[in-house]
Amino acid sequence: MNKMSLSRIRDEYAPKLSRGTTMTLEDLLQALPSKNDLAGAIGMQPRHTMAQDVTSILGLFGTGMMVGAGLALLFAPKPGQELRRDIAEKVEAGMESAGLTEPSHSARTHA
């Protein structure tokens, strides 16, 4: 490749570089369009893998479970104070199991 084509590539794909800076191979590779960009430019759609489909389905299923559990708690025949305490305990237990907080025994001492 000659200097003329390298400068054309630099000017076309990396306008963020200021004059006098040297373009490295990494800069050039990062500036090139992705395969999805190229496929979209010629009217093709990128393929979805089975793993992407399963992940989407599991995400929707998990979201539905959480919404259903929340609705079940809201419509449960319990007094408001007891229901709020149960919800707070379950949220705290979920956060502890996810590793977001340290285990505490404050919810158990109020019972």
N, C-alpha and C. Protein backbone atom coordinates (compact mmCIF):
# COMPACT_ATOMS: atom_id res chain seq x y z
N MET A 1 0.85 -1.17 0.00
CA MET A 1 0.00 0.00 0.00
C MET A 1 0.89 1.23 0.00
N ASN A 2 0.56 2.20 -0.80
CA ASN A 2 1.41 3.39 -0.86
C ASN A 2 0.91 4.46 0.11
N LYS A 3 1.67 5.55 0.23
CA LYS A 3 1.34 6.61 1.18
C LYS A 3 0.01 7.28 0.87
N MET A 4 -0.32 7.39 -0.41
CA MET A 4 -1.56 8.06 -0.79
C MET A 4 -2.77 7.31 -0.25
N SER A 5 -2.80 6.00 -0.38
CA SER A 5 -3.95 5.24 0.09
C SER A 5 -4.00 5.20 1.62
N LEU A 6 -2.86 5.18 2.28
CA LEU A 6 -2.86 5.22 3.74
C LEU A 6 -3.40 6.54 4.27
N SER A 7 -3.05 7.65 3.62
CA SER A 7 -3.56 8.94 4.08
C SER A 7 -5.05 9.05 3.80
N ARG A 8 -5.52 8.47 2.68
CA ARG A 8 -6.95 8.48 2.38
C ARG A 8 -7.72 7.68 3.44
N ILE A 9 -7.19 6.51 3.83
CA ILE A 9 -7.83 5.70 4.86
C ILE A 9 -7.83 6.44 6.19
N ARG A 10 -6.70 7.08 6.51
CA ARG A 10 -6.63 7.84 7.76
C ARG A 10 -7.67 8.96 7.77
N ASP A 11 -7.79 9.69 6.68
CA ASP A 11 -8.73 10.80 6.62
C ASP A 11 -10.18 10.32 6.63
N GLU A 12 -10.44 9.16 6.03
CA GLU A 12 -11.81 8.68 5.93
C GLU A 12 -12.28 8.00 7.21
N TYR A 13 -11.46 7.16 7.82
CA TYR A 13 -11.90 6.36 8.96
C TYR A 13 -11.49 6.90 10.32
N ALA A 14 -10.59 7.83 10.39
CA ALA A 14 -10.15 8.33 11.68
C ALA A 14 -10.05 9.84 11.68
N PRO A 15 -11.17 10.55 11.49
CA PRO A 15 -11.10 12.01 11.49
C PRO A 15 -10.79 12.59 12.86
N LYS A 16 -10.91 11.79 13.90
CA LYS A 16 -10.64 12.30 15.25
C LYS A 16 -9.15 12.54 15.49
N LEU A 17 -8.30 11.98 14.66
CA LEU A 17 -6.87 12.18 14.84
C LEU A 17 -6.49 13.57 14.35
N SER A 18 -5.69 14.26 15.11
CA SER A 18 -5.25 15.59 14.68
C SER A 18 -4.04 15.46 13.75
N ARG A 19 -3.80 16.47 13.01
CA ARG A 19 -2.66 16.46 12.09
C ARG A 19 -1.36 16.32 12.89
N GLY A 20 -0.45 15.58 12.35
CA GLY A 20 0.83 15.41 12.98
C GLY A 20 0.90 14.17 13.87
N THR A 21 -0.23 13.51 14.10
CA THR A 21 -0.21 12.29 14.91
C THR A 21 -0.04 11.10 13.99
N THR A 22 0.53 10.07 14.51
CA THR A 22 0.77 8.86 13.74
C THR A 22 -0.34 7.86 14.02
N MET A 23 -0.90 7.30 12.98
CA MET A 23 -1.96 6.32 13.13
C MET A 23 -1.33 4.94 13.26
N THR A 24 -1.69 4.24 14.30
CA THR A 24 -1.17 2.89 14.50
C THR A 24 -2.13 1.90 13.87
N LEU A 25 -1.70 0.66 13.80
CA LEU A 25 -2.54 -0.40 13.24
C LEU A 25 -3.79 -0.59 14.10
N GLU A 26 -3.65 -0.47 15.40
CA GLU A 26 -4.81 -0.59 16.30
C GLU A 26 -5.83 0.50 16.03
N ASP A 27 -5.36 1.73 15.80
CA ASP A 27 -6.28 2.83 15.47
C ASP A 27 -7.04 2.52 14.19
N LEU A 28 -6.33 2.00 13.21
CA LEU A 28 -6.95 1.67 11.94
C LEU A 28 -7.99 0.57 12.10
N LEU A 29 -7.66 -0.46 12.86
CA LEU A 29 -8.60 -1.57 13.05
C LEU A 29 -9.84 -1.12 13.83
N GLN A 30 -9.66 -0.24 14.81
CA GLN A 30 -10.81 0.25 15.57
C GLN A 30 -11.69 1.18 14.73
N ALA A 31 -11.12 1.83 13.76
CA ALA A 31 -11.88 2.77 12.93
C ALA A 31 -12.67 2.07 11.83
N LEU A 32 -12.31 0.84 11.49
CA LEU A 32 -13.00 0.13 10.42
C LEU A 32 -14.41 -0.25 10.86
N PRO A 33 -15.36 -0.31 9.93
CA PRO A 33 -16.73 -0.70 10.30
C PRO A 33 -16.80 -2.17 10.69
N SER A 34 -17.78 -2.51 11.53
CA SER A 34 -17.94 -3.90 11.97
C SER A 34 -18.63 -4.72 10.88
N LYS A 35 -18.67 -6.03 11.07
CA LYS A 35 -19.33 -6.88 10.07
C LYS A 35 -20.83 -6.60 10.03
N ASN A 36 -21.42 -6.22 11.17
CA ASN A 36 -22.84 -5.87 11.18
C ASN A 36 -23.09 -4.58 10.41
N ASP A 37 -22.17 -3.62 10.52
CA ASP A 37 -22.29 -2.38 9.74
C ASP A 37 -22.22 -2.67 8.24
N LEU A 38 -21.28 -3.53 7.86
CA LEU A 38 -21.13 -3.88 6.45
C LEU A 38 -22.34 -4.65 5.94
N ALA A 39 -22.85 -5.58 6.73
CA ALA A 39 -24.03 -6.35 6.33
C ALA A 39 -25.23 -5.43 6.17
N GLY A 40 -25.40 -4.48 7.09
CA GLY A 40 -26.49 -3.52 7.00
C GLY A 40 -26.37 -2.62 5.79
N ALA A 41 -25.15 -2.29 5.40
CA ALA A 41 -24.93 -1.40 4.27
C ALA A 41 -25.36 -2.05 2.95
N ILE A 42 -25.29 -3.37 2.86
CA ILE A 42 -25.71 -4.05 1.62
C ILE A 42 -27.09 -4.69 1.76
N GLY A 43 -27.80 -4.38 2.85
CA GLY A 43 -29.17 -4.83 3.00
C GLY A 43 -29.34 -6.20 3.63
N MET A 44 -28.33 -6.71 4.26
CA MET A 44 -28.43 -8.02 4.92
C MET A 44 -28.59 -7.82 6.41
N GLN A 45 -29.19 -8.81 7.06
CA GLN A 45 -29.32 -8.77 8.51
C GLN A 45 -28.32 -9.73 9.13
N PRO A 46 -27.74 -9.34 10.28
CA PRO A 46 -26.81 -10.26 10.93
C PRO A 46 -27.54 -11.49 11.46
N ARG A 47 -26.86 -12.59 11.52
CA ARG A 47 -27.46 -13.83 12.03
C ARG A 47 -27.51 -13.80 13.55
N HIS A 48 -28.55 -14.43 14.06
CA HIS A 48 -28.65 -14.61 15.51
C HIS A 48 -28.30 -16.06 15.83
N THR A 49 -27.52 -16.24 16.85
CA THR A 49 -27.15 -17.59 17.25
C THR A 49 -28.22 -18.16 18.17
N MET A 50 -28.19 -19.46 18.36
CA MET A 50 -29.13 -20.12 19.25
C MET A 50 -28.93 -19.62 20.68
N ALA A 51 -27.69 -19.36 21.07
CA ALA A 51 -27.40 -18.87 22.42
C ALA A 51 -28.05 -17.51 22.65
N GLN A 52 -28.05 -16.64 21.64
CA GLN A 52 -28.70 -15.34 21.78
C GLN A 52 -30.20 -15.50 21.95
N ASP A 53 -30.80 -16.42 21.19
CA ASP A 53 -32.24 -16.66 21.30
C ASP A 53 -32.60 -17.22 22.68
N VAL A 54 -31.82 -18.19 23.16
CA VAL A 54 -32.09 -18.79 24.46
C VAL A 54 -31.91 -17.75 25.57
N THR A 55 -30.90 -16.92 25.46
CA THR A 55 -30.67 -15.87 26.46
C THR A 55 -31.84 -14.90 26.50
N SER A 56 -32.36 -14.53 25.34
CA SER A 56 -33.52 -13.63 25.30
C SER A 56 -34.73 -14.28 25.95
N ILE A 57 -34.97 -15.55 25.64
CA ILE A 57 -36.12 -16.26 26.20
C ILE A 57 -35.99 -16.38 27.71
N LEU A 58 -34.80 -16.74 28.19
CA LEU A 58 -34.60 -16.87 29.64
C LEU A 58 -34.74 -15.53 30.35
N GLY A 59 -34.29 -14.47 29.71
CA GLY A 59 -34.44 -13.14 30.29
C GLY A 59 -35.90 -12.75 30.42
N LEU A 60 -36.68 -13.01 29.38
CA LEU A 60 -38.11 -12.71 29.44
C LEU A 60 -38.81 -13.58 30.48
N PHE A 61 -38.44 -14.84 30.55
CA PHE A 61 -39.03 -15.74 31.53
C PHE A 61 -38.72 -15.28 32.96
N GLY A 62 -37.47 -14.92 33.21
CA GLY A 62 -37.09 -14.43 34.54
C GLY A 62 -37.81 -13.14 34.90
N THR A 63 -37.94 -12.24 33.94
CA THR A 63 -38.67 -10.99 34.19
C THR A 63 -40.13 -11.29 34.51
N GLY A 64 -40.73 -12.20 33.78
CA GLY A 64 -42.11 -12.59 34.04
C GLY A 64 -42.29 -13.21 35.42
N MET A 65 -41.31 -14.01 35.82
CA MET A 65 -41.38 -14.60 37.17
C MET A 65 -41.33 -13.53 38.25
N MET A 66 -40.45 -12.55 38.07
CA MET A 66 -40.32 -11.50 39.08
C MET A 66 -41.59 -10.64 39.14
N VAL A 67 -42.15 -10.32 37.99
CA VAL A 67 -43.38 -9.52 37.96
C VAL A 67 -44.51 -10.31 38.60
N GLY A 68 -44.61 -11.59 38.26
CA GLY A 68 -45.65 -12.45 38.85
C GLY A 68 -45.51 -12.57 40.35
N ALA A 69 -44.28 -12.72 40.83
CA ALA A 69 -44.06 -12.82 42.28
C ALA A 69 -44.42 -11.51 42.96
N GLY A 70 -44.09 -10.40 42.35
CA GLY A 70 -44.44 -9.10 42.92
C GLY A 70 -45.94 -8.89 42.98
N LEU A 71 -46.64 -9.27 41.92
CA LEU A 71 -48.10 -9.16 41.92
C LEU A 71 -48.73 -10.09 42.94
N ALA A 72 -48.18 -11.28 43.09
CA ALA A 72 -48.71 -12.22 44.09
C ALA A 72 -48.56 -11.65 45.49
N LEU A 73 -47.44 -11.00 45.75
CA LEU A 73 -47.25 -10.38 47.07
C LEU A 73 -48.21 -9.22 47.29
N LEU A 74 -48.44 -8.44 46.25
CA LEU A 74 -49.31 -7.28 46.40
C LEU A 74 -50.77 -7.68 46.60
N PHE A 75 -51.18 -8.78 46.00
CA PHE A 75 -52.57 -9.21 46.12
C PHE A 75 -52.78 -10.27 47.18
N ALA A 76 -51.78 -10.56 47.97
CA ALA A 76 -51.90 -11.55 49.04
C ALA A 76 -52.78 -10.99 50.16
N PRO A 77 -53.59 -11.84 50.78
CA PRO A 77 -54.48 -11.36 51.85
C PRO A 77 -53.75 -11.20 53.19
N LYS A 78 -52.92 -10.16 53.28
CA LYS A 78 -52.19 -9.87 54.51
C LYS A 78 -52.38 -8.41 54.84
N PRO A 79 -52.25 -8.06 56.12
CA PRO A 79 -52.28 -6.63 56.47
C PRO A 79 -51.08 -5.90 55.86
N GLY A 80 -51.22 -4.60 55.62
CA GLY A 80 -50.20 -3.81 54.96
C GLY A 80 -48.85 -3.84 55.64
N GLN A 81 -48.83 -3.71 56.97
CA GLN A 81 -47.55 -3.68 57.68
C GLN A 81 -46.84 -5.02 57.56
N GLU A 82 -47.57 -6.10 57.68
CA GLU A 82 -46.97 -7.43 57.57
C GLU A 82 -46.46 -7.68 56.14
N LEU A 83 -47.24 -7.25 55.16
CA LEU A 83 -46.83 -7.40 53.76
C LEU A 83 -45.57 -6.61 53.47
N ARG A 84 -45.50 -5.37 53.94
CA ARG A 84 -44.30 -4.55 53.71
C ARG A 84 -43.08 -5.18 54.37
N ARG A 85 -43.25 -5.73 55.57
CA ARG A 85 -42.14 -6.39 56.26
C ARG A 85 -41.68 -7.62 55.47
N ASP A 86 -42.64 -8.41 54.95
CA ASP A 86 -42.29 -9.59 54.15
C ASP A 86 -41.54 -9.19 52.88
N ILE A 87 -42.02 -8.13 52.22
CA ILE A 87 -41.35 -7.67 51.00
C ILE A 87 -39.93 -7.21 51.31
N ALA A 88 -39.77 -6.45 52.40
CA ALA A 88 -38.43 -5.96 52.78
C ALA A 88 -37.50 -7.13 53.09
N GLU A 89 -38.01 -8.16 53.77
CA GLU A 89 -37.19 -9.32 54.09
C GLU A 89 -36.77 -10.06 52.82
N LYS A 90 -37.71 -10.20 51.87
CA LYS A 90 -37.38 -10.93 50.64
C LYS A 90 -36.40 -10.14 49.77
N VAL A 91 -36.56 -8.84 49.72
CA VAL A 91 -35.63 -8.01 48.96
C VAL A 91 -34.24 -8.09 49.59
N GLU A 92 -34.19 -8.02 50.91
CA GLU A 92 -32.89 -8.11 51.61
C GLU A 92 -32.25 -9.47 51.38
N ALA A 93 -33.05 -10.54 51.45
CA ALA A 93 -32.51 -11.89 51.22
C ALA A 93 -32.01 -12.03 49.78
N GLY A 94 -32.74 -11.46 48.83
CA GLY A 94 -32.30 -11.51 47.44
C GLY A 94 -31.01 -10.76 47.21
N MET A 95 -30.88 -9.60 47.84
CA MET A 95 -29.65 -8.82 47.70
C MET A 95 -28.48 -9.55 48.35
N GLU A 96 -28.73 -10.20 49.49
CA GLU A 96 -27.66 -10.96 50.15
C GLU A 96 -27.23 -12.14 49.29
N SER A 97 -28.20 -12.85 48.69
CA SER A 97 -27.84 -14.00 47.86
C SER A 97 -27.12 -13.58 46.59
N ALA A 98 -27.41 -12.36 46.12
CA ALA A 98 -26.72 -11.85 44.94
C ALA A 98 -25.35 -11.27 45.29
N GLY A 99 -25.06 -11.17 46.59
CA GLY A 99 -23.77 -10.66 47.01
C GLY A 99 -23.69 -9.14 47.02
N LEU A 100 -24.85 -8.47 46.99
CA LEU A 100 -24.85 -7.00 46.97
C LEU A 100 -24.73 -6.40 48.37
N THR A 101 -25.11 -7.14 49.39
CA THR A 101 -25.00 -6.66 50.76
C THR A 101 -24.48 -7.79 51.63
N GLU A 102 -24.01 -7.42 52.82
CA GLU A 102 -23.57 -8.43 53.76
C GLU A 102 -24.78 -8.95 54.53
N PRO A 103 -24.75 -10.22 54.93
CA PRO A 103 -25.88 -10.77 55.68
C PRO A 103 -26.11 -10.00 56.98
N SER A 104 -27.38 -9.71 57.25
CA SER A 104 -27.73 -9.05 58.50
C SER A 104 -28.89 -9.80 59.12
N HIS A 105 -29.04 -9.65 60.40
CA HIS A 105 -30.09 -10.35 61.11
C HIS A 105 -31.17 -9.37 61.59
N SER A 106 -31.19 -8.15 61.08
CA SER A 106 -32.12 -7.14 61.53
C SER A 106 -33.56 -7.50 61.18
N ALA A 107 -33.79 -8.11 60.02
CA ALA A 107 -35.15 -8.45 59.62
C ALA A 107 -35.70 -9.57 60.48
N ARG A 108 -34.83 -10.44 60.97
CA ARG A 108 -35.29 -11.57 61.78
C ARG A 108 -35.56 -11.16 63.23
N THR A 109 -34.97 -10.10 63.69
CA THR A 109 -35.16 -9.70 65.08
C THR A 109 -36.47 -8.98 65.29
N HIS A 110 -37.09 -8.45 64.19
CA HIS A 110 -38.36 -7.76 64.32
C HIS A 110 -39.54 -8.71 64.40
N ALA A 111 -39.35 -9.98 64.09
CA ALA A 111 -40.47 -10.94 64.04
C ALA A 111 -40.97 -11.34 65.40
